[in-house]
Amino acid sequence: VSQLIEGGRKATDRLVTGVVVGAFLLALLP
């Protein structure tokens, strides 16, 4: 969705942000 609306740069930023947040939550769960 971000690729279609905001462009490739913002889409990459949102993907990396999502991966980082997911890794943080995964480390916080234990």
PDB file of all heavy atoms in Angstrom:
ATOM      1  N   VAL A   1       0.833  -1.208   0.000  1.00  0.00           N
ATOM      2  CA  VAL A   1       0.000   0.000   0.000  1.00  0.00           C
ATOM      3  C   VAL A   1       0.865   1.254   0.000  1.00  0.00           C
ATOM      4  O   VAL A   1       0.595   2.226  -0.715  1.00  0.00           O
ATOM      5  CB  VAL A   1      -0.946  -0.017   1.215  1.00  0.00           C
ATOM      6  CG1 VAL A   1      -1.689   1.304   1.329  1.00  0.00           C
ATOM      7  CG2 VAL A   1      -1.935  -1.169   1.099  1.00  0.00           C
ATOM      8  N   SER A   2       1.928   1.252   0.808  1.00  0.00           N
ATOM      9  CA  SER A   2       2.814   2.412   0.836  1.00  0.00           C
ATOM     10  C   SER A   2       3.534   2.599  -0.492  1.00  0.00           C
ATOM     11  O   SER A   2       3.764   3.736  -0.922  1.00  0.00           O
ATOM     12  CB  SER A   2       3.836   2.250   1.970  1.00  0.00           C
ATOM     13  OG  SER A   2       4.690   3.361   2.033  1.00  0.00           O
ATOM     14  N   GLN A   3       3.857   1.514  -1.163  1.00  0.00           N
ATOM     15  CA  GLN A   3       4.498   1.604  -2.483  1.00  0.00           C
ATOM     16  C   GLN A   3       3.571   2.273  -3.488  1.00  0.00           C
ATOM     17  O   GLN A   3       3.999   3.101  -4.301  1.00  0.00           O
ATOM     18  CB  GLN A   3       4.879   0.197  -2.956  1.00  0.00           C
ATOM     19  CG  GLN A   3       5.455   0.129  -4.368  1.00  0.00           C
ATOM     20  CD  GLN A   3       6.877   0.652  -4.428  1.00  0.00           C
ATOM     21  OE1 GLN A   3       7.642   0.468  -3.492  1.00  0.00           O
ATOM     22  NE2 GLN A   3       7.232   1.302  -5.520  1.00  0.00           N
ATOM     23  N   LEU A   4       2.297   1.954  -3.436  1.00  0.00           N
ATOM     24  CA  LEU A   4       1.343   2.509  -4.394  1.00  0.00           C
ATOM     25  C   LEU A   4       1.019   3.973  -4.090  1.00  0.00           C
ATOM     26  O   LEU A   4       0.789   4.763  -5.022  1.00  0.00           O
ATOM     27  CB  LEU A   4       0.055   1.679  -4.378  1.00  0.00           C
ATOM     28  CG  LEU A   4       0.187   0.219  -4.843  1.00  0.00           C
ATOM     29  CD1 LEU A   4      -1.130  -0.515  -4.671  1.00  0.00           C
ATOM     30  CD2 LEU A   4       0.652   0.154  -6.293  1.00  0.00           C
ATOM     31  N   ILE A   5       0.982   4.354  -2.838  1.00  0.00           N
ATOM     32  CA  ILE A   5       0.544   5.697  -2.460  1.00  0.00           C
ATOM     33  C   ILE A   5       1.715   6.643  -2.217  1.00  0.00           C
ATOM     34  O   ILE A   5       1.705   7.794  -2.687  1.00  0.00           O
ATOM     35  CB  ILE A   5      -0.363   5.635  -1.212  1.00  0.00           C
ATOM     36  CG1 ILE A   5      -1.622   4.807  -1.519  1.00  0.00           C
ATOM     37  CG2 ILE A   5      -0.738   7.024  -0.733  1.00  0.00           C
ATOM     38  CD1 ILE A   5      -2.538   4.632  -0.335  1.00  0.00           C
ATOM     39  N   GLU A   6       2.728   6.168  -1.483  1.00  0.00           N
ATOM     40  CA  GLU A   6       3.795   7.051  -1.016  1.00  0.00           C
ATOM     41  C   GLU A   6       5.106   6.907  -1.784  1.00  0.00           C
ATOM     42  O   GLU A   6       5.991   7.744  -1.635  1.00  0.00           O
ATOM     43  CB  GLU A   6       4.066   6.791   0.470  1.00  0.00           C
ATOM     44  CG  GLU A   6       2.863   7.028   1.357  1.00  0.00           C
ATOM     45  CD  GLU A   6       3.127   6.657   2.800  1.00  0.00           C
ATOM     46  OE1 GLU A   6       3.670   5.559   3.036  1.00  0.00           O
ATOM     47  OE2 GLU A   6       2.802   7.452   3.703  1.00  0.00           O
ATOM     48  N   GLY A   7       5.272   5.862  -2.519  1.00  0.00           N
ATOM     49  CA  GLY A   7       6.508   5.688  -3.256  1.00  0.00           C
ATOM     50  C   GLY A   7       7.423   4.649  -2.613  1.00  0.00           C
ATOM     51  O   GLY A   7       7.212   4.191  -1.477  1.00  0.00           O
ATOM     52  N   GLY A   8       8.469   4.289  -3.342  1.00  0.00           N
ATOM     53  CA  GLY A   8       9.357   3.222  -2.904  1.00  0.00           C
ATOM     54  C   GLY A   8      10.155   3.546  -1.656  1.00  0.00           C
ATOM     55  O   GLY A   8      10.385   2.688  -0.797  1.00  0.00           O
ATOM     56  N   ARG A   9      10.601   4.812  -1.524  1.00  0.00           N
ATOM     57  CA  ARG A   9      11.413   5.184  -0.372  1.00  0.00           C
ATOM     58  C   ARG A   9      10.622   5.016   0.934  1.00  0.00           C
ATOM     59  O   ARG A   9      11.093   4.434   1.899  1.00  0.00           O
ATOM     60  CB  ARG A   9      11.897   6.625  -0.512  1.00  0.00           C
ATOM     61  CG  ARG A   9      12.846   7.074   0.591  1.00  0.00           C
ATOM     62  CD  ARG A   9      13.042   8.585   0.490  1.00  0.00           C
ATOM     63  NE  ARG A   9      13.658   8.951  -0.766  1.00  0.00           N
ATOM     64  CZ  ARG A   9      14.957   9.042  -0.964  1.00  0.00           C
ATOM     65  NH1 ARG A   9      15.798   8.775   0.030  1.00  0.00           N
ATOM     66  NH2 ARG A   9      15.439   9.397  -2.129  1.00  0.00           N
ATOM     67  N   LYS A  10       9.397   5.532   0.956  1.00  0.00           N
ATOM     68  CA  LYS A  10       8.568   5.433   2.160  1.00  0.00           C
ATOM     69  C   LYS A  10       8.132   4.008   2.422  1.00  0.00           C
ATOM     70  O   LYS A  10       8.007   3.583   3.582  1.00  0.00           O
ATOM     71  CB  LYS A  10       7.339   6.331   1.995  1.00  0.00           C
ATOM     72  CG  LYS A  10       6.543   6.530   3.271  1.00  0.00           C
ATOM     73  CD  LYS A  10       7.334   7.272   4.325  1.00  0.00           C
ATOM     74  CE  LYS A  10       6.490   7.546   5.556  1.00  0.00           C
ATOM     75  NZ  LYS A  10       7.254   8.229   6.617  1.00  0.00           N
ATOM     76  N   ALA A  11       7.911   3.243   1.360  1.00  0.00           N
ATOM     77  CA  ALA A  11       7.533   1.840   1.542  1.00  0.00           C
ATOM     78  C   ALA A  11       8.655   1.056   2.214  1.00  0.00           C
ATOM     79  O   ALA A  11       8.413   0.249   3.120  1.00  0.00           O
ATOM     80  CB  ALA A  11       7.180   1.222   0.190  1.00  0.00           C
ATOM     81  N   THR A  12       9.881   1.301   1.778  1.00  0.00           N
ATOM     82  CA  THR A  12      11.017   0.634   2.415  1.00  0.00           C
ATOM     83  C   THR A  12      11.155   1.042   3.872  1.00  0.00           C
ATOM     84  O   THR A  12      11.431   0.209   4.745  1.00  0.00           O
ATOM     85  CB  THR A  12      12.312   0.966   1.648  1.00  0.00           C
ATOM     86  OG1 THR A  12      12.167   0.599   0.283  1.00  0.00           O
ATOM     87  CG2 THR A  12      13.495   0.231   2.249  1.00  0.00           C
ATOM     88  N   ASP A  13      10.932   2.342   4.130  1.00  0.00           N
ATOM     89  CA  ASP A  13      11.016   2.826   5.505  1.00  0.00           C
ATOM     90  C   ASP A  13       9.963   2.158   6.390  1.00  0.00           C
ATOM     91  O   ASP A  13      10.259   1.743   7.522  1.00  0.00           O
ATOM     92  CB  ASP A  13      10.817   4.340   5.519  1.00  0.00           C
ATOM     93  CG  ASP A  13      10.827   4.902   6.930  1.00  0.00           C
ATOM     94  OD1 ASP A  13      11.905   4.963   7.546  1.00  0.00           O
ATOM     95  OD2 ASP A  13       9.738   5.274   7.424  1.00  0.00           O
ATOM     96  N   ARG A  14       8.755   2.035   5.894  1.00  0.00           N
ATOM     97  CA  ARG A  14       7.700   1.398   6.705  1.00  0.00           C
ATOM     98  C   ARG A  14       7.974  -0.087   6.902  1.00  0.00           C
ATOM     99  O   ARG A  14       7.700  -0.635   7.980  1.00  0.00           O
ATOM    100  CB  ARG A  14       6.334   1.603   6.038  1.00  0.00           C
ATOM    101  CG  ARG A  14       5.830   3.042   6.099  1.00  0.00           C
ATOM    102  CD  ARG A  14       4.383   3.133   5.642  1.00  0.00           C
ATOM    103  NE  ARG A  14       3.891   4.509   5.683  1.00  0.00           N
ATOM    104  CZ  ARG A  14       3.357   5.077   6.765  1.00  0.00           C
ATOM    105  NH1 ARG A  14       3.272   4.386   7.895  1.00  0.00           N
ATOM    106  NH2 ARG A  14       2.915   6.319   6.712  1.00  0.00           N
ATOM    107  N   LEU A  15       8.524  -0.753   5.919  1.00  0.00           N
ATOM    108  CA  LEU A  15       8.850  -2.167   6.060  1.00  0.00           C
ATOM    109  C   LEU A  15       9.923  -2.383   7.125  1.00  0.00           C
ATOM    110  O   LEU A  15       9.784  -3.236   8.013  1.00  0.00           O
ATOM    111  CB  LEU A  15       9.313  -2.731   4.717  1.00  0.00           C
ATOM    112  CG  LEU A  15       9.821  -4.187   4.746  1.00  0.00           C
ATOM    113  CD1 LEU A  15       8.711  -5.133   5.177  1.00  0.00           C
ATOM    114  CD2 LEU A  15      10.381  -4.582   3.379  1.00  0.00           C
ATOM    115  N   VAL A  16      10.997  -1.591   7.043  1.00  0.00           N
ATOM    116  CA  VAL A  16      12.077  -1.725   8.016  1.00  0.00           C
ATOM    117  C   VAL A  16      11.589  -1.361   9.417  1.00  0.00           C
ATOM    118  O   VAL A  16      11.926  -2.024  10.402  1.00  0.00           O
ATOM    119  CB  VAL A  16      13.279  -0.856   7.607  1.00  0.00           C
ATOM    120  CG1 VAL A  16      14.354  -0.882   8.676  1.00  0.00           C
ATOM    121  CG2 VAL A  16      13.848  -1.342   6.280  1.00  0.00           C
ATOM    122  N   THR A  17      10.763  -0.305   9.514  1.00  0.00           N
ATOM    123  CA  THR A  17      10.209   0.073  10.815  1.00  0.00           C
ATOM    124  C   THR A  17       9.364  -1.053  11.404  1.00  0.00           C
ATOM    125  O   THR A  17       9.451  -1.361  12.598  1.00  0.00           O
ATOM    126  CB  THR A  17       9.355   1.346  10.677  1.00  0.00           C
ATOM    127  OG1 THR A  17      10.164   2.402  10.157  1.00  0.00           O
ATOM    128  CG2 THR A  17       8.786   1.756  12.018  1.00  0.00           C
ATOM    129  N   GLY A  18       8.566  -1.682  10.569  1.00  0.00           N
ATOM    130  CA  GLY A  18       7.751  -2.792  11.045  1.00  0.00           C
ATOM    131  C   GLY A  18       8.582  -3.962  11.516  1.00  0.00           C
ATOM    132  O   GLY A  18       8.269  -4.595  12.539  1.00  0.00           O
ATOM    133  N   VAL A  19       9.649  -4.272  10.797  1.00  0.00           N
ATOM    134  CA  VAL A  19      10.523  -5.377  11.201  1.00  0.00           C
ATOM    135  C   VAL A  19      11.214  -5.061  12.521  1.00  0.00           C
ATOM    136  O   VAL A  19      11.313  -5.923  13.418  1.00  0.00           O
ATOM    137  CB  VAL A  19      11.554  -5.671  10.088  1.00  0.00           C
ATOM    138  CG1 VAL A  19      12.586  -6.690  10.572  1.00  0.00           C
ATOM    139  CG2 VAL A  19      10.858  -6.194   8.836  1.00  0.00           C
ATOM    140  N   VAL A  20      11.699  -3.828  12.672  1.00  0.00           N
ATOM    141  CA  VAL A  20      12.391  -3.446  13.912  1.00  0.00           C
ATOM    142  C   VAL A  20      11.436  -3.480  15.102  1.00  0.00           C
ATOM    143  O   VAL A  20      11.764  -4.003  16.173  1.00  0.00           O
ATOM    144  CB  VAL A  20      13.015  -2.044  13.748  1.00  0.00           C
ATOM    145  CG1 VAL A  20      13.539  -1.541  15.085  1.00  0.00           C
ATOM    146  CG2 VAL A  20      14.144  -2.089  12.729  1.00  0.00           C
ATOM    147  N   VAL A  21      10.232  -2.931  14.928  1.00  0.00           N
ATOM    148  CA  VAL A  21       9.247  -2.952  16.018  1.00  0.00           C
ATOM    149  C   VAL A  21       8.870  -4.387  16.376  1.00  0.00           C
ATOM    150  O   VAL A  21       8.734  -4.746  17.554  1.00  0.00           O
ATOM    151  CB  VAL A  21       8.005  -2.132  15.625  1.00  0.00           C
ATOM    152  CG1 VAL A  21       6.895  -2.304  16.654  1.00  0.00           C
ATOM    153  CG2 VAL A  21       8.366  -0.670  15.483  1.00  0.00           C
ATOM    154  N   GLY A  22       8.706  -5.228  15.362  1.00  0.00           N
ATOM    155  CA  GLY A  22       8.391  -6.626  15.633  1.00  0.00           C
ATOM    156  C   GLY A  22       9.500  -7.337  16.386  1.00  0.00           C
ATOM    157  O   GLY A  22       9.235  -8.127  17.306  1.00  0.00           O
ATOM    158  N   ALA A  23      10.755  -7.063  16.013  1.00  0.00           N
ATOM    159  CA  ALA A  23      11.879  -7.667  16.731  1.00  0.00           C
ATOM    160  C   ALA A  23      11.940  -7.189  18.174  1.00  0.00           C
ATOM    161  O   ALA A  23      12.230  -7.966  19.092  1.00  0.00           O
ATOM    162  CB  ALA A  23      13.185  -7.347  16.003  1.00  0.00           C
ATOM    163  N   PHE A  24      11.650  -5.886  18.382  1.00  0.00           N
ATOM    164  CA  PHE A  24      11.635  -5.353  19.750  1.00  0.00           C
ATOM    165  C   PHE A  24      10.553  -6.027  20.595  1.00  0.00           C
ATOM    166  O   PHE A  24      10.800  -6.425  21.742  1.00  0.00           O
ATOM    167  CB  PHE A  24      11.413  -3.848  19.694  1.00  0.00           C
ATOM    168  CG  PHE A  24      11.095  -3.236  21.026  1.00  0.00           C
ATOM    169  CD1 PHE A  24      12.085  -3.076  21.982  1.00  0.00           C
ATOM    170  CD2 PHE A  24       9.802  -2.821  21.324  1.00  0.00           C
ATOM    171  CE1 PHE A  24      11.795  -2.510  23.225  1.00  0.00           C
ATOM    172  CE2 PHE A  24       9.504  -2.263  22.556  1.00  0.00           C
ATOM    173  CZ  PHE A  24      10.502  -2.109  23.504  1.00  0.00           C
ATOM    174  N   LEU A  25       9.346  -6.146  20.040  1.00  0.00           N
ATOM    175  CA  LEU A  25       8.265  -6.798  20.786  1.00  0.00           C
ATOM    176  C   LEU A  25       8.576  -8.265  21.051  1.00  0.00           C
ATOM    177  O   LEU A  25       8.258  -8.797  22.124  1.00  0.00           O
ATOM    178  CB  LEU A  25       6.952  -6.663  20.015  1.00  0.00           C
ATOM    179  CG  LEU A  25       6.420  -5.235  19.843  1.00  0.00           C
ATOM    180  CD1 LEU A  25       5.169  -5.237  18.981  1.00  0.00           C
ATOM    181  CD2 LEU A  25       6.143  -4.601  21.197  1.00  0.00           C
ATOM    182  N   LEU A  26       9.221  -8.922  20.094  1.00  0.00           N
ATOM    183  CA  LEU A  26       9.582 -10.327  20.282  1.00  0.00           C
ATOM    184  C   LEU A  26      10.603 -10.478  21.400  1.00  0.00           C
ATOM    185  O   LEU A  26      10.538 -11.425  22.193  1.00  0.00           O
ATOM    186  CB  LEU A  26      10.142 -10.892  18.974  1.00  0.00           C
ATOM    187  CG  LEU A  26      10.495 -12.386  18.970  1.00  0.00           C
ATOM    188  CD1 LEU A  26       9.242 -13.213  19.214  1.00  0.00           C
ATOM    189  CD2 LEU A  26      11.150 -12.782  17.656  1.00  0.00           C
ATOM    190  N   ALA A  27      11.556  -9.539  21.476  1.00  0.00           N
ATOM    191  CA  ALA A  27      12.543  -9.589  22.560  1.00  0.00           C
ATOM    192  C   ALA A  27      11.933  -9.224  23.903  1.00  0.00           C
ATOM    193  O   ALA A  27      12.418  -9.656  24.955  1.00  0.00           O
ATOM    194  CB  ALA A  27      13.710  -8.646  22.239  1.00  0.00           C
ATOM    195  N   LEU A  28      10.862  -8.414  23.876  1.00  0.00           N
ATOM    196  CA  LEU A  28      10.223  -7.978  25.116  1.00  0.00           C
ATOM    197  C   LEU A  28       9.289  -9.035  25.693  1.00  0.00           C
ATOM    198  O   LEU A  28       9.023  -9.031  26.900  1.00  0.00           O
ATOM    199  CB  LEU A  28       9.444  -6.684  24.849  1.00  0.00           C
ATOM    200  CG  LEU A  28       9.095  -5.804  26.045  1.00  0.00           C
ATOM    201  CD1 LEU A  28      10.375  -5.314  26.715  1.00  0.00           C
ATOM    202  CD2 LEU A  28       8.243  -4.628  25.588  1.00  0.00           C
ATOM    203  N   LEU A  29       8.802  -9.929  24.866  1.00  0.00           N
ATOM    204  CA  LEU A  29       7.845 -10.932  25.331  1.00  0.00           C
ATOM    205  C   LEU A  29       8.378 -11.818  26.453  1.00  0.00           C
ATOM    206  O   LEU A  29       7.671 -12.055  27.443  1.00  0.00           O
ATOM    207  CB  LEU A  29       7.375 -11.792  24.147  1.00  0.00           C
ATOM    208  CG  LEU A  29       6.326 -11.162  23.228  1.00  0.00           C
ATOM    209  CD1 LEU A  29       5.997 -12.103  22.084  1.00  0.00           C
ATOM    210  CD2 LEU A  29       5.057 -10.835  24.015  1.00  0.00           C
ATOM    211  N   PRO A  30       9.614 -12.361  26.359  1.00  0.00           N
ATOM    212  CA  PRO A  30      10.093 -13.187  27.482  1.00  0.00           C
ATOM    213  C   PRO A  30      10.159 -12.429  28.800  1.00  0.00           C
ATOM    214  O   PRO A  30       9.833 -12.989  29.851  1.00  0.00           O
ATOM    215  CB  PRO A  30      11.493 -13.622  27.015  1.00  0.00           C
ATOM    216  CG  PRO A  30      11.455 -13.530  25.539  1.00  0.00           C
ATOM    217  CD  PRO A  30      10.562 -12.372  25.239  1.00  0.00           C
TER     218      PRO A  30
END
